[in-house]
Amino acid sequence: MPVPAAVIAYGVFFAFGWLLSARCDRLQALGRRCRWHLPAGIAGSAVSLGTVLRPPCADGAYNHLAGVGAAAVATWLLVFGRTGLFVRHVWCVRRSSIRM
């Protein structure tokens, strides 16, 4: 029996991809914006790591929320950036070769 938290975590990304596949116009927008999604995701990852290595507050609950929030934002920005890179450099090449 799978762990429910893991199923939910993977399910969120699966549902995002499934919903995004129905909207090809949104894929093109991700391809155009990948140049700022990736650096912002890397910066968010650095902030998340910073909250772990050097906690900003004395209260552990606030540190945990800051780290989890920064990690969540960084994760989605990196997902958008990597998807945009794929659309920009691979997907267009495959679509043009399929049309031939």
C-alpha atoms as a PDB file:
ATOM      1  CA  MET A   1       0.000   0.000   0.000  1.00  0.00           C
ATOM      2  CA  PRO A   2       1.531   3.354  -1.008  1.00  0.00           C
ATOM      3  CA  VAL A   3       2.080   6.126   1.492  1.00  0.00           C
ATOM      4  CA  PRO A   4      -0.747   8.690   1.082  1.00  0.00           C
ATOM      5  CA  ALA A   5       1.572  11.703   1.403  1.00  0.00           C
ATOM      6  CA  ALA A   6       3.756  10.407  -1.443  1.00  0.00           C
ATOM      7  CA  VAL A   7       0.731   9.752  -3.659  1.00  0.00           C
ATOM      8  CA  ILE A   8      -0.503  13.299  -3.052  1.00  0.00           C
ATOM      9  CA  ALA A   9       2.928  14.809  -3.706  1.00  0.00           C
ATOM     10  CA  TYR A  10       3.362  12.971  -7.015  1.00  0.00           C
ATOM     11  CA  GLY A  11      -0.300  13.500  -7.863  1.00  0.00           C
ATOM     12  CA  VAL A  12       0.031  17.281  -7.715  1.00  0.00           C
ATOM     13  CA  PHE A  13       2.764  17.287 -10.350  1.00  0.00           C
ATOM     14  CA  PHE A  14       0.964  14.672 -12.452  1.00  0.00           C
ATOM     15  CA  ALA A  15      -2.252  16.718 -12.378  1.00  0.00           C
ATOM     16  CA  PHE A  16      -0.335  19.871 -13.311  1.00  0.00           C
ATOM     17  CA  GLY A  17       1.210  18.144 -16.333  1.00  0.00           C
ATOM     18  CA  TRP A  18      -2.069  16.619 -17.372  1.00  0.00           C
ATOM     19  CA  LEU A  19      -3.900  19.938 -17.196  1.00  0.00           C
ATOM     20  CA  LEU A  20      -1.052  21.732 -18.958  1.00  0.00           C
ATOM     21  CA  SER A  21      -0.993  19.231 -21.827  1.00  0.00           C
ATOM     22  CA  ALA A  22      -4.508  20.290 -22.758  1.00  0.00           C
ATOM     23  CA  ARG A  23      -3.385  23.923 -23.122  1.00  0.00           C
ATOM     24  CA  CYS A  24      -0.578  24.068 -25.705  1.00  0.00           C
ATOM     25  CA  ASP A  25      -0.729  27.877 -25.742  1.00  0.00           C
ATOM     26  CA  ARG A  26       0.398  27.849 -22.110  1.00  0.00           C
ATOM     27  CA  LEU A  27       3.338  25.635 -23.031  1.00  0.00           C
ATOM     28  CA  GLN A  28       4.547  28.267 -25.487  1.00  0.00           C
ATOM     29  CA  ALA A  29       4.285  30.913 -22.748  1.00  0.00           C
ATOM     30  CA  LEU A  30       6.474  28.773 -20.479  1.00  0.00           C
ATOM     31  CA  GLY A  31       9.008  28.534 -23.297  1.00  0.00           C
ATOM     32  CA  ARG A  32       9.155  32.313 -23.544  1.00  0.00           C
ATOM     33  CA  ARG A  33       9.485  32.847 -19.790  1.00  0.00           C
ATOM     34  CA  CYS A  34      12.012  30.148 -18.924  1.00  0.00           C
ATOM     35  CA  ARG A  35      14.834  32.691 -18.828  1.00  0.00           C
ATOM     36  CA  TRP A  36      13.550  34.183 -15.602  1.00  0.00           C
ATOM     37  CA  HIS A  37      11.946  31.080 -14.081  1.00  0.00           C
ATOM     38  CA  LEU A  38      15.244  29.211 -13.782  1.00  0.00           C
ATOM     39  CA  PRO A  39      17.293  31.989 -12.099  1.00  0.00           C
ATOM     40  CA  ALA A  40      14.384  32.760  -9.765  1.00  0.00           C
ATOM     41  CA  GLY A  41      14.104  29.052  -8.891  1.00  0.00           C
ATOM     42  CA  ILE A  42      17.828  28.836  -8.180  1.00  0.00           C
ATOM     43  CA  ALA A  43      17.596  31.950  -5.996  1.00  0.00           C
ATOM     44  CA  GLY A  44      14.614  30.432  -4.180  1.00  0.00           C
ATOM     45  CA  SER A  45      16.600  27.251  -3.607  1.00  0.00           C
ATOM     46  CA  ALA A  46      19.409  29.330  -2.128  1.00  0.00           C
ATOM     47  CA  VAL A  47      16.932  31.079   0.188  1.00  0.00           C
ATOM     48  CA  SER A  48      15.506  27.721   1.239  1.00  0.00           C
ATOM     49  CA  LEU A  49      18.972  26.359   1.931  1.00  0.00           C
ATOM     50  CA  GLY A  50      19.810  29.545   3.817  1.00  0.00           C
ATOM     51  CA  THR A  51      16.840  29.092   6.128  1.00  0.00           C
ATOM     52  CA  VAL A  52      18.100  25.617   6.976  1.00  0.00           C
ATOM     53  CA  LEU A  53      21.743  26.550   7.511  1.00  0.00           C
ATOM     54  CA  ARG A  54      21.161  29.908   9.167  1.00  0.00           C
ATOM     55  CA  PRO A  55      17.662  30.165  10.655  1.00  0.00           C
ATOM     56  CA  PRO A  56      16.253  33.709  10.340  1.00  0.00           C
ATOM     57  CA  CYS A  57      14.205  33.595  13.578  1.00  0.00           C
ATOM     58  CA  ALA A  58      14.589  32.224  17.072  1.00  0.00           C
ATOM     59  CA  ASP A  59      11.255  30.377  16.796  1.00  0.00           C
ATOM     60  CA  GLY A  60      11.564  26.989  15.115  1.00  0.00           C
ATOM     61  CA  ALA A  61       8.028  27.058  13.680  1.00  0.00           C
ATOM     62  CA  TYR A  62       8.680  30.255  11.733  1.00  0.00           C
ATOM     63  CA  ASN A  63      11.968  28.875  10.450  1.00  0.00           C
ATOM     64  CA  HIS A  64      10.206  25.743   9.281  1.00  0.00           C
ATOM     65  CA  LEU A  65       7.465  27.729   7.519  1.00  0.00           C
ATOM     66  CA  ALA A  66      10.023  30.003   5.868  1.00  0.00           C
ATOM     67  CA  GLY A  67      12.036  27.036   4.624  1.00  0.00           C
ATOM     68  CA  VAL A  68       9.021  25.099   3.366  1.00  0.00           C
ATOM     69  CA  GLY A  69       7.557  28.176   1.679  1.00  0.00           C
ATOM     70  CA  ALA A  70      10.825  29.032  -0.061  1.00  0.00           C
ATOM     71  CA  ALA A  71      11.283  25.409  -1.133  1.00  0.00           C
ATOM     72  CA  ALA A  72       7.750  25.250  -2.558  1.00  0.00           C
ATOM     73  CA  VAL A  73       8.194  28.434  -4.577  1.00  0.00           C
ATOM     74  CA  ALA A  74      11.638  27.318  -5.762  1.00  0.00           C
ATOM     75  CA  THR A  75      10.328  23.896  -6.781  1.00  0.00           C
ATOM     76  CA  TRP A  76       7.537  25.314  -8.925  1.00  0.00           C
ATOM     77  CA  LEU A  77       9.813  27.925 -10.509  1.00  0.00           C
ATOM     78  CA  LEU A  78      12.317  25.206 -11.392  1.00  0.00           C
ATOM     79  CA  VAL A  79       9.523  23.027 -12.818  1.00  0.00           C
ATOM     80  CA  PHE A  80       8.299  25.947 -14.947  1.00  0.00           C
ATOM     81  CA  GLY A  81      11.855  26.729 -16.041  1.00  0.00           C
ATOM     82  CA  ARG A  82      12.754  23.180 -17.007  1.00  0.00           C
ATOM     83  CA  THR A  83       9.456  22.742 -18.827  1.00  0.00           C
ATOM     84  CA  GLY A  84      10.079  26.013 -20.646  1.00  0.00           C
ATOM     85  CA  LEU A  85      13.568  24.899 -21.671  1.00  0.00           C
ATOM     86  CA  PHE A  86      12.164  21.650 -22.993  1.00  0.00           C
ATOM     87  CA  VAL A  87       9.461  23.444 -24.971  1.00  0.00           C
ATOM     88  CA  ARG A  88      11.923  25.967 -26.308  1.00  0.00           C
ATOM     89  CA  HIS A  89      14.715  23.605 -27.387  1.00  0.00           C
ATOM     90  CA  VAL A  90      13.288  20.098 -27.812  1.00  0.00           C
ATOM     91  CA  TRP A  91       9.555  20.224 -28.346  1.00  0.00           C
ATOM     92  CA  CYS A  92       9.720  22.627 -31.293  1.00  0.00           C
ATOM     93  CA  VAL A  93      12.356  20.495 -32.999  1.00  0.00           C
ATOM     94  CA  ARG A  94      10.255  17.351 -32.595  1.00  0.00           C
ATOM     95  CA  ARG A  95       7.112  19.062 -33.854  1.00  0.00           C
ATOM     96  CA  SER A  96       8.878  20.327 -36.975  1.00  0.00           C
ATOM     97  CA  SER A  97      10.308  16.861 -37.695  1.00  0.00           C
ATOM     98  CA  ILE A  98       6.880  15.272 -37.285  1.00  0.00           C
ATOM     99  CA  ARG A  99       5.324  17.612 -39.858  1.00  0.00           C
ATOM    100  CA  MET A 100       7.721  16.462 -42.589  1.00  0.00           C
END
